[in-house]
Amino acid sequence: MTATEKRPAFESPAALAVPVAGPPTMRRPVSTTVGSALVLLRVLAGVVWLVTLSLQWDDVFTLAFDEAGVALTGDAFAATSQAVYLFVAILIGVVLLIDLALGVLVFLGLNWPRIVVMTISTFSISASFVTWWVGDQEITLQTTFLTIALDILVMLALSSRSARAYARRPRPARGRRAR
């Protein structure tokens, strides 16, 4: 295929599963670098979201309990609020650390993190669509627009042929000495 030919809109899964015969010394393509940078931007967006949640936690927590019809006051409110916030912050922190590690592994050229990142992006995009479809969430700049945009760009970058070839290239065996 020459550079001027268009890529077909549909390719057979069998053709996509064929091992890539790229050279082991293949240089890291721009699509892999951009894809891993976008994953890091997604982590940064998550950190900003967590900081924003921290600053507005009392309002968010109060609203959630008011909507649930549960009335907490005084020490019970403070203790419950602190425990729930700690749980949420640790959970989101762990997810962000895993995402950060996956971004670094994608940059290093491993295939399984590339697949995992694309799968996470697919679920994230799908979840945003479903919540919009049922009417629970509007897609705005303040809510999910940035994360959807980053997920779509991650999918485009990491599903490119060059990123696939780099991640699936043969690697020389480690620990063997040249004779």
N, C-alpha and C. Protein backbone atom coordinates (compact mmCIF):
# COMPACT_ATOMS: atom_id res chain seq x y z
N MET A 1 0.85 -1.17 0.00
CA MET A 1 0.00 0.00 0.00
C MET A 1 0.89 1.23 0.00
N THR A 2 0.65 2.13 -0.90
CA THR A 2 1.45 3.35 -0.96
C THR A 2 0.85 4.40 -0.04
N ALA A 3 1.60 5.47 0.18
CA ALA A 3 1.16 6.51 1.10
C ALA A 3 -0.06 7.26 0.59
N THR A 4 -0.33 7.22 -0.72
CA THR A 4 -1.46 7.96 -1.26
C THR A 4 -2.75 7.15 -1.28
N GLU A 5 -2.66 5.85 -1.08
CA GLU A 5 -3.87 5.02 -1.06
C GLU A 5 -4.62 5.24 0.24
N LYS A 6 -5.94 5.20 0.13
CA LYS A 6 -6.77 5.34 1.32
C LYS A 6 -6.86 4.01 2.04
N ARG A 7 -6.92 4.07 3.33
CA ARG A 7 -7.10 2.88 4.13
C ARG A 7 -8.57 2.47 4.05
N PRO A 8 -8.84 1.18 3.88
CA PRO A 8 -10.25 0.76 3.77
C PRO A 8 -11.01 1.02 5.08
N ALA A 9 -12.30 1.28 4.95
CA ALA A 9 -13.13 1.55 6.12
C ALA A 9 -13.31 0.29 6.96
N PHE A 10 -13.23 -0.87 6.36
CA PHE A 10 -13.39 -2.13 7.09
C PHE A 10 -12.26 -3.06 6.69
N GLU A 11 -11.67 -3.68 7.69
CA GLU A 11 -10.65 -4.68 7.43
C GLU A 11 -11.04 -5.95 8.15
N SER A 12 -10.75 -7.05 7.55
CA SER A 12 -11.07 -8.34 8.13
C SER A 12 -10.32 -8.54 9.45
N PRO A 13 -11.00 -9.06 10.48
CA PRO A 13 -10.29 -9.34 11.73
C PRO A 13 -9.11 -10.29 11.53
N ALA A 14 -9.22 -11.19 10.58
CA ALA A 14 -8.11 -12.12 10.31
C ALA A 14 -6.89 -11.35 9.80
N ALA A 15 -7.13 -10.33 8.97
CA ALA A 15 -6.01 -9.54 8.46
C ALA A 15 -5.38 -8.71 9.57
N LEU A 16 -6.19 -8.25 10.51
CA LEU A 16 -5.66 -7.45 11.61
C LEU A 16 -4.91 -8.30 12.63
N ALA A 17 -5.22 -9.59 12.70
CA ALA A 17 -4.58 -10.48 13.67
C ALA A 17 -3.25 -11.04 13.18
N VAL A 18 -2.94 -10.83 11.92
CA VAL A 18 -1.68 -11.33 11.37
C VAL A 18 -0.53 -10.62 12.08
N PRO A 19 0.47 -11.39 12.55
CA PRO A 19 1.60 -10.75 13.23
C PRO A 19 2.29 -9.73 12.33
N VAL A 20 2.71 -8.66 12.93
CA VAL A 20 3.39 -7.60 12.21
C VAL A 20 4.85 -7.99 12.05
N ALA A 21 5.36 -7.82 10.85
CA ALA A 21 6.73 -8.20 10.58
C ALA A 21 7.65 -6.98 10.54
N GLY A 22 7.44 -6.06 11.44
CA GLY A 22 8.30 -4.88 11.51
C GLY A 22 9.65 -5.24 12.10
N PRO A 23 10.63 -4.39 11.87
CA PRO A 23 11.97 -4.69 12.40
C PRO A 23 12.02 -4.50 13.92
N PRO A 24 12.82 -5.30 14.61
CA PRO A 24 12.93 -5.16 16.06
C PRO A 24 13.49 -3.80 16.49
N THR A 25 14.18 -3.14 15.58
CA THR A 25 14.78 -1.84 15.91
C THR A 25 13.89 -0.67 15.49
N MET A 26 12.63 -0.95 15.25
CA MET A 26 11.69 0.09 14.81
C MET A 26 11.68 1.25 15.80
N ARG A 27 11.73 2.45 15.28
CA ARG A 27 11.67 3.65 16.13
C ARG A 27 10.25 3.87 16.62
N ARG A 28 10.13 4.49 17.78
CA ARG A 28 8.82 4.76 18.36
C ARG A 28 8.07 5.74 17.46
N PRO A 29 6.87 5.36 16.98
CA PRO A 29 6.12 6.26 16.10
C PRO A 29 5.48 7.41 16.89
N VAL A 30 5.17 8.47 16.18
CA VAL A 30 4.55 9.63 16.80
C VAL A 30 3.21 9.25 17.41
N SER A 31 2.48 8.35 16.77
CA SER A 31 1.16 7.97 17.29
C SER A 31 1.26 7.32 18.68
N THR A 32 2.30 6.56 18.92
CA THR A 32 2.49 5.95 20.25
C THR A 32 2.86 7.02 21.27
N THR A 33 3.73 7.93 20.88
CA THR A 33 4.12 9.02 21.79
C THR A 33 2.92 9.89 22.12
N VAL A 34 2.16 10.26 21.11
CA VAL A 34 0.97 11.09 21.33
C VAL A 34 -0.07 10.34 22.16
N GLY A 35 -0.26 9.07 21.86
CA GLY A 35 -1.22 8.27 22.63
C GLY A 35 -0.87 8.20 24.11
N SER A 36 0.40 7.97 24.40
CA SER A 36 0.80 7.91 25.81
C SER A 36 0.73 9.29 26.46
N ALA A 37 1.04 10.34 25.70
CA ALA A 37 0.91 11.71 26.24
C ALA A 37 -0.55 12.03 26.54
N LEU A 38 -1.46 11.57 25.69
CA LEU A 38 -2.89 11.79 25.94
C LEU A 38 -3.37 11.03 27.18
N VAL A 39 -2.82 9.84 27.39
CA VAL A 39 -3.16 9.10 28.61
C VAL A 39 -2.67 9.89 29.83
N LEU A 40 -1.49 10.47 29.74
CA LEU A 40 -0.97 11.28 30.84
C LEU A 40 -1.83 12.54 31.04
N LEU A 41 -2.31 13.13 29.96
CA LEU A 41 -3.24 14.26 30.08
C LEU A 41 -4.55 13.83 30.74
N ARG A 42 -4.98 12.62 30.42
CA ARG A 42 -6.20 12.08 31.07
C ARG A 42 -5.97 11.92 32.57
N VAL A 43 -4.78 11.49 32.95
CA VAL A 43 -4.44 11.38 34.38
C VAL A 43 -4.43 12.77 35.02
N LEU A 44 -3.84 13.73 34.33
CA LEU A 44 -3.81 15.10 34.83
C LEU A 44 -5.22 15.65 34.99
N ALA A 45 -6.09 15.38 34.02
CA ALA A 45 -7.49 15.81 34.12
C ALA A 45 -8.16 15.15 35.33
N GLY A 46 -7.83 13.90 35.60
CA GLY A 46 -8.37 13.21 36.77
C GLY A 46 -7.89 13.83 38.07
N VAL A 47 -6.63 14.25 38.11
CA VAL A 47 -6.10 14.91 39.30
C VAL A 47 -6.81 16.24 39.52
N VAL A 48 -7.00 17.00 38.43
CA VAL A 48 -7.71 18.28 38.54
C VAL A 48 -9.15 18.04 39.03
N TRP A 49 -9.80 17.01 38.49
CA TRP A 49 -11.15 16.67 38.92
C TRP A 49 -11.18 16.31 40.40
N LEU A 50 -10.20 15.54 40.85
CA LEU A 50 -10.14 15.15 42.26
C LEU A 50 -9.92 16.36 43.16
N VAL A 51 -9.07 17.28 42.75
CA VAL A 51 -8.85 18.50 43.54
C VAL A 51 -10.13 19.33 43.59
N THR A 52 -10.81 19.45 42.45
CA THR A 52 -12.08 20.19 42.42
C THR A 52 -13.11 19.52 43.32
N LEU A 53 -13.18 18.20 43.28
CA LEU A 53 -14.10 17.48 44.16
C LEU A 53 -13.75 17.74 45.62
N SER A 54 -12.48 17.77 45.93
CA SER A 54 -12.05 18.03 47.31
C SER A 54 -12.51 19.39 47.79
N LEU A 55 -12.42 20.38 46.91
CA LEU A 55 -12.81 21.74 47.28
C LEU A 55 -14.32 21.88 47.45
N GLN A 56 -15.09 21.05 46.77
CA GLN A 56 -16.55 21.14 46.83
C GLN A 56 -17.18 19.95 47.55
N TRP A 57 -16.39 19.20 48.29
CA TRP A 57 -16.87 17.94 48.85
C TRP A 57 -18.08 18.11 49.77
N ASP A 58 -18.07 19.09 50.65
CA ASP A 58 -19.19 19.24 51.58
C ASP A 58 -20.50 19.47 50.85
N ASP A 59 -20.48 20.29 49.80
CA ASP A 59 -21.69 20.53 49.02
C ASP A 59 -22.15 19.28 48.29
N VAL A 60 -21.21 18.57 47.69
CA VAL A 60 -21.54 17.35 46.95
C VAL A 60 -22.11 16.30 47.90
N PHE A 61 -21.47 16.13 49.03
CA PHE A 61 -21.91 15.12 50.00
C PHE A 61 -23.29 15.47 50.57
N THR A 62 -23.49 16.72 50.91
CA THR A 62 -24.78 17.16 51.44
C THR A 62 -25.89 16.95 50.42
N LEU A 63 -25.64 17.33 49.18
CA LEU A 63 -26.63 17.16 48.12
C LEU A 63 -26.98 15.69 47.91
N ALA A 64 -25.97 14.82 47.95
CA ALA A 64 -26.22 13.39 47.77
C ALA A 64 -27.08 12.83 48.89
N PHE A 65 -26.83 13.24 50.12
CA PHE A 65 -27.64 12.75 51.24
C PHE A 65 -29.04 13.36 51.23
N ASP A 66 -29.15 14.61 50.80
CA ASP A 66 -30.48 15.23 50.69
C ASP A 66 -31.33 14.52 49.65
N GLU A 67 -30.73 14.19 48.50
CA GLU A 67 -31.46 13.48 47.45
C GLU A 67 -31.85 12.08 47.88
N ALA A 68 -31.03 11.46 48.71
CA ALA A 68 -31.34 10.12 49.20
C ALA A 68 -32.36 10.15 50.33
N GLY A 69 -32.62 11.33 50.87
CA GLY A 69 -33.60 11.44 51.95
C GLY A 69 -33.06 11.06 53.31
N VAL A 70 -31.75 11.06 53.46
CA VAL A 70 -31.12 10.71 54.74
C VAL A 70 -30.66 12.00 55.40
N ALA A 71 -31.02 12.16 56.64
CA ALA A 71 -30.64 13.37 57.37
C ALA A 71 -29.54 13.03 58.38
N LEU A 72 -28.38 13.62 58.18
CA LEU A 72 -27.28 13.46 59.11
C LEU A 72 -26.94 14.84 59.66
N THR A 73 -26.61 14.88 60.93
CA THR A 73 -26.26 16.16 61.54
C THR A 73 -25.04 16.00 62.43
N GLY A 74 -24.35 17.09 62.65
CA GLY A 74 -23.26 17.15 63.62
C GLY A 74 -22.13 16.19 63.36
N ASP A 75 -21.79 15.44 64.43
CA ASP A 75 -20.64 14.54 64.37
C ASP A 75 -20.85 13.39 63.40
N ALA A 76 -22.07 12.90 63.29
CA ALA A 76 -22.35 11.80 62.36
C ALA A 76 -22.10 12.25 60.92
N PHE A 77 -22.52 13.47 60.60
CA PHE A 77 -22.31 14.01 59.25
C PHE A 77 -20.82 14.14 58.96
N ALA A 78 -20.07 14.72 59.89
CA ALA A 78 -18.65 14.95 59.70
C ALA A 78 -17.89 13.63 59.55
N ALA A 79 -18.20 12.67 60.41
CA ALA A 79 -17.49 11.38 60.36
C ALA A 79 -17.82 10.62 59.08
N THR A 80 -19.09 10.61 58.70
CA THR A 80 -19.50 9.90 57.49
C THR A 80 -18.91 10.59 56.26
N SER A 81 -18.97 11.90 56.25
CA SER A 81 -18.44 12.67 55.13
C SER A 81 -16.94 12.40 54.96
N GLN A 82 -16.22 12.41 56.03
CA GLN A 82 -14.77 12.19 55.97
C GLN A 82 -14.45 10.76 55.52
N ALA A 83 -15.19 9.79 56.02
CA ALA A 83 -14.94 8.39 55.64
C ALA A 83 -15.24 8.16 54.16
N VAL A 84 -16.36 8.70 53.69
CA VAL A 84 -16.72 8.52 52.28
C VAL A 84 -15.72 9.25 51.39
N TYR A 85 -15.31 10.46 51.78
CA TYR A 85 -14.33 11.19 50.98
C TYR A 85 -13.01 10.43 50.91
N LEU A 86 -12.56 9.90 52.02
CA LEU A 86 -11.31 9.15 52.04
C LEU A 86 -11.38 7.93 51.12
N PHE A 87 -12.50 7.23 51.18
CA PHE A 87 -12.70 6.06 50.31
C PHE A 87 -12.67 6.47 48.83
N VAL A 88 -13.42 7.51 48.49
CA VAL A 88 -13.49 7.97 47.10
C VAL A 88 -12.13 8.46 46.62
N ALA A 89 -11.43 9.24 47.44
CA ALA A 89 -10.13 9.79 47.06
C ALA A 89 -9.10 8.67 46.85
N ILE A 90 -9.09 7.68 47.73
CA ILE A 90 -8.15 6.57 47.57
C ILE A 90 -8.48 5.75 46.33
N LEU A 91 -9.76 5.48 46.11
CA LEU A 91 -10.18 4.71 44.93
C LEU A 91 -9.79 5.43 43.64
N ILE A 92 -10.09 6.72 43.55
CA ILE A 92 -9.75 7.48 42.35
C ILE A 92 -8.23 7.60 42.22
N GLY A 93 -7.52 7.77 43.32
CA GLY A 93 -6.06 7.84 43.28
C GLY A 93 -5.44 6.56 42.75
N VAL A 94 -5.96 5.42 43.17
CA VAL A 94 -5.45 4.14 42.68
C VAL A 94 -5.73 3.99 41.18
N VAL A 95 -6.93 4.37 40.75
CA VAL A 95 -7.28 4.30 39.33
C VAL A 95 -6.35 5.21 38.52
N LEU A 96 -6.08 6.40 39.03
CA LEU A 96 -5.18 7.33 38.32
C LEU A 96 -3.75 6.79 38.26
N LEU A 97 -3.29 6.16 39.33
CA LEU A 97 -1.95 5.56 39.32
C LEU A 97 -1.85 4.41 38.32
N ILE A 98 -2.90 3.60 38.23
CA ILE A 98 -2.93 2.51 37.25
C ILE A 98 -2.91 3.08 35.84
N ASP A 99 -3.70 4.13 35.61
CA ASP A 99 -3.74 4.77 34.30
C ASP A 99 -2.38 5.37 33.95
N LEU A 100 -1.72 5.96 34.93
CA LEU A 100 -0.38 6.51 34.72
C LEU A 100 0.61 5.41 34.33
N ALA A 101 0.56 4.30 35.05
CA ALA A 101 1.45 3.17 34.75
C ALA A 101 1.17 2.62 33.34
N LEU A 102 -0.10 2.53 32.97
CA LEU A 102 -0.44 2.06 31.63
C LEU A 102 0.09 3.01 30.56
N GLY A 103 0.00 4.31 30.81
CA GLY A 103 0.53 5.29 29.87
C GLY A 103 2.03 5.15 29.66
N VAL A 104 2.75 4.91 30.75
CA VAL A 104 4.20 4.71 30.65
C VAL A 104 4.51 3.41 29.89
N LEU A 105 3.76 2.36 30.17
CA LEU A 105 3.99 1.08 29.48
C LEU A 105 3.66 1.18 27.99
N VAL A 106 2.64 1.97 27.65
CA VAL A 106 2.33 2.20 26.23
C VAL A 106 3.50 2.93 25.58
N PHE A 107 4.05 3.91 26.26
CA PHE A 107 5.20 4.65 25.72
C PHE A 107 6.39 3.72 25.50
N LEU A 108 6.56 2.75 26.39
CA LEU A 108 7.68 1.81 26.25
C LEU A 108 7.45 0.79 25.13
N GLY A 109 6.23 0.75 24.59
CA GLY A 109 5.97 -0.09 23.43
C GLY A 109 5.38 -1.44 23.70
N LEU A 110 4.80 -1.65 24.86
CA LEU A 110 4.16 -2.94 25.14
C LEU A 110 2.75 -2.96 24.54
N ASN A 111 2.33 -4.13 24.08
CA ASN A 111 1.03 -4.23 23.41
C ASN A 111 -0.13 -4.35 24.38
N TRP A 112 -0.01 -5.15 25.44
CA TRP A 112 -1.16 -5.37 26.32
C TRP A 112 -1.63 -4.08 26.99
N PRO A 113 -0.74 -3.15 27.41
CA PRO A 113 -1.26 -1.90 27.97
C PRO A 113 -1.98 -1.05 26.91
N ARG A 114 -1.52 -1.11 25.68
CA ARG A 114 -2.19 -0.39 24.59
C ARG A 114 -3.61 -0.89 24.43
N ILE A 115 -3.78 -2.20 24.47
CA ILE A 115 -5.12 -2.79 24.35
C ILE A 115 -5.98 -2.42 25.56
N VAL A 116 -5.40 -2.48 26.76
CA VAL A 116 -6.15 -2.14 27.98
C VAL A 116 -6.58 -0.68 27.95
N VAL A 117 -5.69 0.22 27.55
CA VAL A 117 -6.01 1.64 27.49
C VAL A 117 -7.13 1.89 26.48
N MET A 118 -7.06 1.24 25.33
CA MET A 118 -8.12 1.41 24.33
C MET A 118 -9.44 0.84 24.83
N THR A 119 -9.40 -0.26 25.57
CA THR A 119 -10.62 -0.84 26.13
C THR A 119 -11.23 0.09 27.18
N ILE A 120 -10.40 0.65 28.03
CA ILE A 120 -10.88 1.60 29.05
C ILE A 120 -11.50 2.82 28.36
N SER A 121 -10.85 3.31 27.32
CA SER A 121 -11.39 4.46 26.59
C SER A 121 -12.73 4.12 25.95
N THR A 122 -12.85 2.92 25.41
CA THR A 122 -14.12 2.49 24.81
C THR A 122 -15.22 2.46 25.86
N PHE A 123 -14.94 1.89 27.02
CA PHE A 123 -15.95 1.85 28.09
C PHE A 123 -16.30 3.25 28.58
N SER A 124 -15.32 4.12 28.68
CA SER A 124 -15.56 5.48 29.13
C SER A 124 -16.45 6.25 28.16
N ILE A 125 -16.15 6.14 26.87
CA ILE A 125 -16.96 6.79 25.85
C ILE A 125 -18.38 6.22 25.86
N SER A 126 -18.48 4.91 25.95
CA SER A 126 -19.79 4.25 25.96
C SER A 126 -20.61 4.64 27.19
N ALA A 127 -19.96 4.71 28.34
CA ALA A 127 -20.66 5.09 29.57
C ALA A 127 -21.17 6.53 29.48
N SER A 128 -20.36 7.41 28.93
CA SER A 128 -20.79 8.80 28.75
C SER A 128 -21.99 8.88 27.81
N PHE A 129 -21.95 8.10 26.75
CA PHE A 129 -23.07 8.09 25.81
C PHE A 129 -24.34 7.57 26.48
N VAL A 130 -24.22 6.48 27.21
CA VAL A 130 -25.40 5.89 27.85
C VAL A 130 -26.00 6.85 28.87
N THR A 131 -25.17 7.49 29.68
CA THR A 131 -25.72 8.43 30.66
C THR A 131 -26.34 9.64 29.98
N TRP A 132 -25.79 10.06 28.85
CA TRP A 132 -26.42 11.14 28.10
C TRP A 132 -27.74 10.68 27.49
N TRP A 133 -27.75 9.46 26.96
CA TRP A 133 -28.93 8.93 26.29
C TRP A 133 -30.12 8.80 27.24
N VAL A 134 -29.88 8.34 28.44
CA VAL A 134 -30.98 8.18 29.39
C VAL A 134 -31.37 9.51 30.03
N GLY A 135 -30.61 10.55 29.75
CA GLY A 135 -30.97 11.88 30.20
C GLY A 135 -30.44 12.28 31.55
N ASP A 136 -29.56 11.49 32.13
CA ASP A 136 -29.03 11.81 33.45
C ASP A 136 -27.89 12.82 33.41
N GLN A 137 -27.24 12.98 32.27
CA GLN A 137 -26.05 13.81 32.24
C GLN A 137 -25.98 14.56 30.91
N GLU A 138 -25.68 15.83 31.00
CA GLU A 138 -25.42 16.62 29.80
C GLU A 138 -23.91 16.61 29.54
N ILE A 139 -23.54 16.61 28.29
CA ILE A 139 -22.14 16.65 27.94
C ILE A 139 -21.77 18.12 27.73
N THR A 140 -21.06 18.66 28.71
CA THR A 140 -20.63 20.05 28.65
C THR A 140 -19.14 20.12 28.95
N LEU A 141 -18.57 21.29 28.77
CA LEU A 141 -17.16 21.47 29.07
C LEU A 141 -16.86 21.23 30.54
N GLN A 142 -17.79 21.57 31.42
CA GLN A 142 -17.57 21.40 32.85
C GLN A 142 -17.75 19.95 33.30
N THR A 143 -18.41 19.12 32.51
CA THR A 143 -18.65 17.75 32.96
C THR A 143 -17.76 16.76 32.22
N THR A 144 -18.21 16.24 31.09
CA THR A 144 -17.51 15.11 30.48
C THR A 144 -16.90 15.40 29.11
N PHE A 145 -17.03 16.58 28.60
CA PHE A 145 -16.54 16.87 27.25
C PHE A 145 -15.03 16.63 27.13
N LEU A 146 -14.27 17.09 28.10
CA LEU A 146 -12.82 16.94 28.04
C LEU A 146 -12.41 15.47 28.09
N THR A 147 -13.02 14.70 28.97
CA THR A 147 -12.63 13.28 29.07
C THR A 147 -13.04 12.51 27.82
N ILE A 148 -14.20 12.83 27.26
CA ILE A 148 -14.61 12.16 26.02
C ILE A 148 -13.64 12.50 24.90
N ALA A 149 -13.28 13.77 24.79
CA ALA A 149 -12.34 14.18 23.74
C ALA A 149 -11.00 13.47 23.90
N LEU A 150 -10.48 13.41 25.12
CA LEU A 150 -9.20 12.73 25.35
C LEU A 150 -9.31 11.25 25.02
N ASP A 151 -10.41 10.61 25.41
CA ASP A 151 -10.59 9.19 25.13
C ASP A 151 -10.66 8.92 23.63
N ILE A 152 -11.35 9.78 22.89
CA ILE A 152 -11.44 9.59 21.44
C ILE A 152 -10.06 9.77 20.79
N LEU A 153 -9.32 10.78 21.23
CA LEU A 153 -7.98 10.99 20.68
C LEU A 153 -7.03 9.84 21.04
N VAL A 154 -7.16 9.30 22.25
CA VAL A 154 -6.36 8.13 22.64
C VAL A 154 -6.68 6.95 21.72
N MET A 155 -7.97 6.74 21.47
CA MET A 155 -8.36 5.64 20.58
C MET A 155 -7.79 5.83 19.17
N LEU A 156 -7.86 7.04 18.66
CA LEU A 156 -7.33 7.30 17.32
C LEU A 156 -5.82 7.09 17.26
N ALA A 157 -5.11 7.57 18.25
CA ALA A 157 -3.65 7.46 18.23
C ALA A 157 -3.20 6.01 18.41
N LEU A 158 -3.76 5.31 19.39
CA LEU A 158 -3.25 3.97 19.71
C LEU A 158 -3.80 2.87 18.79
N SER A 159 -4.83 3.19 18.01
CA SER A 159 -5.34 2.18 17.07
C SER A 159 -4.73 2.35 15.68
N SER A 160 -3.81 3.27 15.54
CA SER A 160 -3.18 3.47 14.23
C SER A 160 -2.29 2.27 13.89
N ARG A 161 -2.04 2.14 12.60
CA ARG A 161 -1.20 1.03 12.16
C ARG A 161 0.22 1.13 12.72
N SER A 162 0.74 2.36 12.79
CA SER A 162 2.11 2.51 13.27
C SER A 162 2.21 2.15 14.75
N ALA A 163 1.21 2.54 15.56
CA ALA A 163 1.23 2.18 16.99
C ALA A 163 1.10 0.68 17.16
N ARG A 164 0.24 0.07 16.35
CA ARG A 164 0.06 -1.38 16.40
C ARG A 164 1.35 -2.10 16.01
N ALA A 165 1.99 -1.64 14.93
CA ALA A 165 3.23 -2.28 14.47
C ALA A 165 4.33 -2.14 15.51
N TYR A 166 4.41 -0.98 16.15
CA TYR A 166 5.44 -0.77 17.17
C TYR A 166 5.20 -1.66 18.38
N ALA A 167 3.95 -1.76 18.80
CA ALA A 167 3.65 -2.55 20.00
C ALA A 167 3.78 -4.05 19.74
N ARG A 168 3.59 -4.47 18.49
CA ARG A 168 3.62 -5.90 18.18
C ARG A 168 4.89 -6.33 17.46
N ARG A 169 5.89 -5.46 17.41
CA ARG A 169 7.13 -5.79 16.71
C ARG A 169 7.86 -6.90 17.46
N PRO A 170 8.62 -7.71 16.73
CA PRO A 170 9.42 -8.74 17.42
C PRO A 170 10.55 -8.07 18.20
N ARG A 171 10.83 -8.62 19.33
CA ARG A 171 11.89 -8.07 20.17
C ARG A 171 12.99 -9.11 20.32
N PRO A 172 14.23 -8.64 20.36
CA PRO A 172 15.32 -9.60 20.59
C PRO A 172 15.20 -10.19 22.00
N ALA A 173 15.63 -11.43 22.11
CA ALA A 173 15.58 -12.10 23.41
C ALA A 173 16.50 -11.40 24.40
N ARG A 174 16.03 -11.24 25.60
CA ARG A 174 16.84 -10.59 26.65
C ARG A 174 17.77 -11.60 27.30
N GLY A 175 18.90 -11.12 27.71
CA GLY A 175 19.80 -11.93 28.49
C GLY A 175 20.71 -12.82 27.64
N ARG A 176 20.55 -12.82 26.35
CA ARG A 176 21.42 -13.63 25.50
C ARG A 176 22.57 -12.77 25.00
N ARG A 177 23.73 -13.35 25.05
CA ARG A 177 24.91 -12.64 24.55
C ARG A 177 25.12 -12.96 23.08
N ALA A 178 25.56 -11.96 22.37
CA ALA A 178 25.89 -12.17 20.96
C ALA A 178 27.18 -12.97 20.87
N ARG A 179 27.21 -13.95 19.98
CA ARG A 179 28.42 -14.79 19.84
C ARG A 179 29.12 -14.49 18.58
